[in-house]
Structure formats: C-alpha cells, structure tokens
Amino acid sequence: MKTSVIEVGGMLSALSAHGVEKQLGKLRGVERAEVNYVSGSATVVYDETVIDLKTIKAKVHECGYHCSGELVPKHLCKPGNPPSEG
C-alpha cells in the first residue's frame, strides 16, 4: 500500500470534498481517501500494483476539480537541486 497526498483545487465546501472522497473511494485499488477542502488536498491510500497516481488524478479532474499531483512539503529540497554552499 502506498499513501499519497495530492492537490484537489477548486472545492467550495465540505460537501465538495465529500463528493470527491466518495468518487475516489469507488476506484479499484483505493483503500481509503480523505479529502480536506480547507487545505485543498486528498490523502489517498492505494495499492500501487492495481492503480496509479495518474488514474487517481484523472478521477479528480473528472469530478470537476484541479489536480497537479502530489503535494510535497515546501521545506523539502527538489531532487538534483542541492543547497548552495556558502
């Protein structure tokens, strides 16, 4: 099982979040989906041998919302971009 936090942009209320959560939960291979409209994100637990992130993103788009992919904390460095030295 893999856990990913993805962006879900454009939600207006907790009702929107509930709808997206319900649709993601119907996908084969998705164990659990928790959507938070305040943070504009979804935490999805899924079996990566059955479903991939691309399919999950497509379902978010199908629901009418924006999804650019996984959210990475801003304090983490991008791969291949080491901090500059002094």
C-alpha atoms as a PDB file:
ATOM      1  CA  MET A   1       0.000   0.000   0.000  1.00  0.00           C
ATOM      2  CA  LYS A   2       1.133   3.494  -0.784  1.00  0.00           C
ATOM      3  CA  THR A   3      -0.080   6.785   0.675  1.00  0.00           C
ATOM      4  CA  SER A   4      -0.031   9.971  -1.402  1.00  0.00           C
ATOM      5  CA  VAL A   5      -1.218  13.471  -0.611  1.00  0.00           C
ATOM      6  CA  ILE A   6      -2.481  15.147  -3.769  1.00  0.00           C
ATOM      7  CA  GLU A   7      -3.779  18.602  -4.580  1.00  0.00           C
ATOM      8  CA  VAL A   8      -7.523  18.986  -5.129  1.00  0.00           C
ATOM      9  CA  GLY A   9      -8.120  22.588  -6.174  1.00  0.00           C
ATOM     10  CA  GLY A  10     -11.384  24.444  -6.639  1.00  0.00           C
ATOM     11  CA  MET A  11     -13.527  22.881  -3.920  1.00  0.00           C
ATOM     12  CA  LEU A  12     -16.023  25.256  -2.347  1.00  0.00           C
ATOM     13  CA  SER A  13     -17.226  23.349   0.688  1.00  0.00           C
ATOM     14  CA  ALA A  14     -17.022  20.201   2.769  1.00  0.00           C
ATOM     15  CA  LEU A  15     -19.782  18.844   0.524  1.00  0.00           C
ATOM     16  CA  SER A  16     -17.459  19.141  -2.484  1.00  0.00           C
ATOM     17  CA  ALA A  17     -14.762  17.316  -0.544  1.00  0.00           C
ATOM     18  CA  HIS A  18     -17.198  14.563   0.409  1.00  0.00           C
ATOM     19  CA  GLY A  19     -18.157  14.071  -3.240  1.00  0.00           C
ATOM     20  CA  VAL A  20     -14.529  13.729  -4.347  1.00  0.00           C
ATOM     21  CA  GLU A  21     -13.825  11.405  -1.424  1.00  0.00           C
ATOM     22  CA  LYS A  22     -16.746   9.196  -2.437  1.00  0.00           C
ATOM     23  CA  GLN A  23     -15.632   9.027  -6.088  1.00  0.00           C
ATOM     24  CA  LEU A  24     -12.014   8.235  -5.205  1.00  0.00           C
ATOM     25  CA  GLY A  25     -13.202   5.524  -2.826  1.00  0.00           C
ATOM     26  CA  LYS A  26     -15.014   3.799  -5.707  1.00  0.00           C
ATOM     27  CA  LEU A  27     -11.786   3.311  -7.665  1.00  0.00           C
ATOM     28  CA  ARG A  28     -10.484  -0.247  -7.717  1.00  0.00           C
ATOM     29  CA  GLY A  29      -7.302  -0.368  -5.658  1.00  0.00           C
ATOM     30  CA  VAL A  30      -8.092   2.658  -3.460  1.00  0.00           C
ATOM     31  CA  GLU A  31      -8.184   1.545   0.158  1.00  0.00           C
ATOM     32  CA  ARG A  32      -9.084   4.936   1.669  1.00  0.00           C
ATOM     33  CA  ALA A  33      -9.429   8.557   0.595  1.00  0.00           C
ATOM     34  CA  GLU A  34      -9.711  11.557   2.926  1.00  0.00           C
ATOM     35  CA  VAL A  35     -10.339  14.917   1.270  1.00  0.00           C
ATOM     36  CA  ASN A  36      -9.945  18.268   3.054  1.00  0.00           C
ATOM     37  CA  TYR A  37     -11.426  21.271   1.251  1.00  0.00           C
ATOM     38  CA  VAL A  38      -9.720  23.777   3.575  1.00  0.00           C
ATOM     39  CA  SER A  39      -6.244  22.536   2.657  1.00  0.00           C
ATOM     40  CA  GLY A  40      -7.285  21.628  -0.892  1.00  0.00           C
ATOM     41  CA  SER A  41      -5.807  18.172  -0.608  1.00  0.00           C
ATOM     42  CA  ALA A  42      -6.637  14.487  -0.533  1.00  0.00           C
ATOM     43  CA  THR A  43      -4.786  11.763   1.302  1.00  0.00           C
ATOM     44  CA  VAL A  44      -5.191   8.570  -0.691  1.00  0.00           C
ATOM     45  CA  VAL A  45      -4.120   5.102   0.443  1.00  0.00           C
ATOM     46  CA  TYR A  46      -3.942   2.768  -2.540  1.00  0.00           C
ATOM     47  CA  ASP A  47      -2.433  -0.417  -3.897  1.00  0.00           C
ATOM     48  CA  GLU A  48       0.123   0.743  -6.468  1.00  0.00           C
ATOM     49  CA  THR A  49       0.017  -2.685  -8.159  1.00  0.00           C
ATOM     50  CA  VAL A  50      -3.663  -2.082  -9.013  1.00  0.00           C
ATOM     51  CA  ILE A  51      -3.939   1.681  -9.590  1.00  0.00           C
ATOM     52  CA  ASP A  52      -1.520   4.526 -10.241  1.00  0.00           C
ATOM     53  CA  LEU A  53      -1.433   8.199  -9.334  1.00  0.00           C
ATOM     54  CA  LYS A  54      -2.252   9.199 -12.914  1.00  0.00           C
ATOM     55  CA  THR A  55      -5.611   7.384 -12.699  1.00  0.00           C
ATOM     56  CA  ILE A  56      -6.376   8.991  -9.333  1.00  0.00           C
ATOM     57  CA  LYS A  57      -5.584  12.452 -10.759  1.00  0.00           C
ATOM     58  CA  ALA A  58      -7.836  11.730 -13.738  1.00  0.00           C
ATOM     59  CA  LYS A  59     -10.732  10.921 -11.379  1.00  0.00           C
ATOM     60  CA  VAL A  60     -10.242  14.247  -9.573  1.00  0.00           C
ATOM     61  CA  HIS A  61     -10.382  16.046 -12.961  1.00  0.00           C
ATOM     62  CA  GLU A  62     -13.484  14.015 -13.874  1.00  0.00           C
ATOM     63  CA  CYS A  63     -15.129  15.339 -10.695  1.00  0.00           C
ATOM     64  CA  GLY A  64     -14.508  18.877 -11.983  1.00  0.00           C
ATOM     65  CA  TYR A  65     -11.554  19.853  -9.815  1.00  0.00           C
ATOM     66  CA  HIS A  66      -7.921  20.729 -10.452  1.00  0.00           C
ATOM     67  CA  CYS A  67      -5.147  18.299  -9.536  1.00  0.00           C
ATOM     68  CA  SER A  68      -1.488  18.959 -10.302  1.00  0.00           C
ATOM     69  CA  GLY A  69      -0.354  15.813  -8.487  1.00  0.00           C
ATOM     70  CA  GLU A  70       1.380  15.038  -5.244  1.00  0.00           C
ATOM     71  CA  LEU A  71       1.928  17.773  -2.697  1.00  0.00           C
ATOM     72  CA  VAL A  72       5.450  17.914  -1.331  1.00  0.00           C
ATOM     73  CA  PRO A  73       6.203  19.931   1.795  1.00  0.00           C
ATOM     74  CA  LYS A  74       7.917  23.197   0.859  1.00  0.00           C
ATOM     75  CA  HIS A  75      10.770  22.517   3.290  1.00  0.00           C
ATOM     76  CA  LEU A  76      11.983  19.569   1.204  1.00  0.00           C
ATOM     77  CA  CYS A  77      14.594  20.156  -1.483  1.00  0.00           C
ATOM     78  CA  LYS A  78      13.878  19.220  -5.059  1.00  0.00           C
ATOM     79  CA  PRO A  79      15.932  16.253  -6.311  1.00  0.00           C
ATOM     80  CA  GLY A  80      19.074  17.367  -8.116  1.00  0.00           C
ATOM     81  CA  ASN A  81      18.919  20.818  -6.552  1.00  0.00           C
ATOM     82  CA  PRO A  82      21.371  20.729  -3.627  1.00  0.00           C
ATOM     83  CA  PRO A  83      21.595  23.751  -1.342  1.00  0.00           C
ATOM     84  CA  SER A  84      24.270  26.223  -2.368  1.00  0.00           C
ATOM     85  CA  GLU A  85      27.364  26.309  -0.236  1.00  0.00           C
ATOM     86  CA  GLY A  86      28.422  29.494   1.369  1.00  0.00           C
END
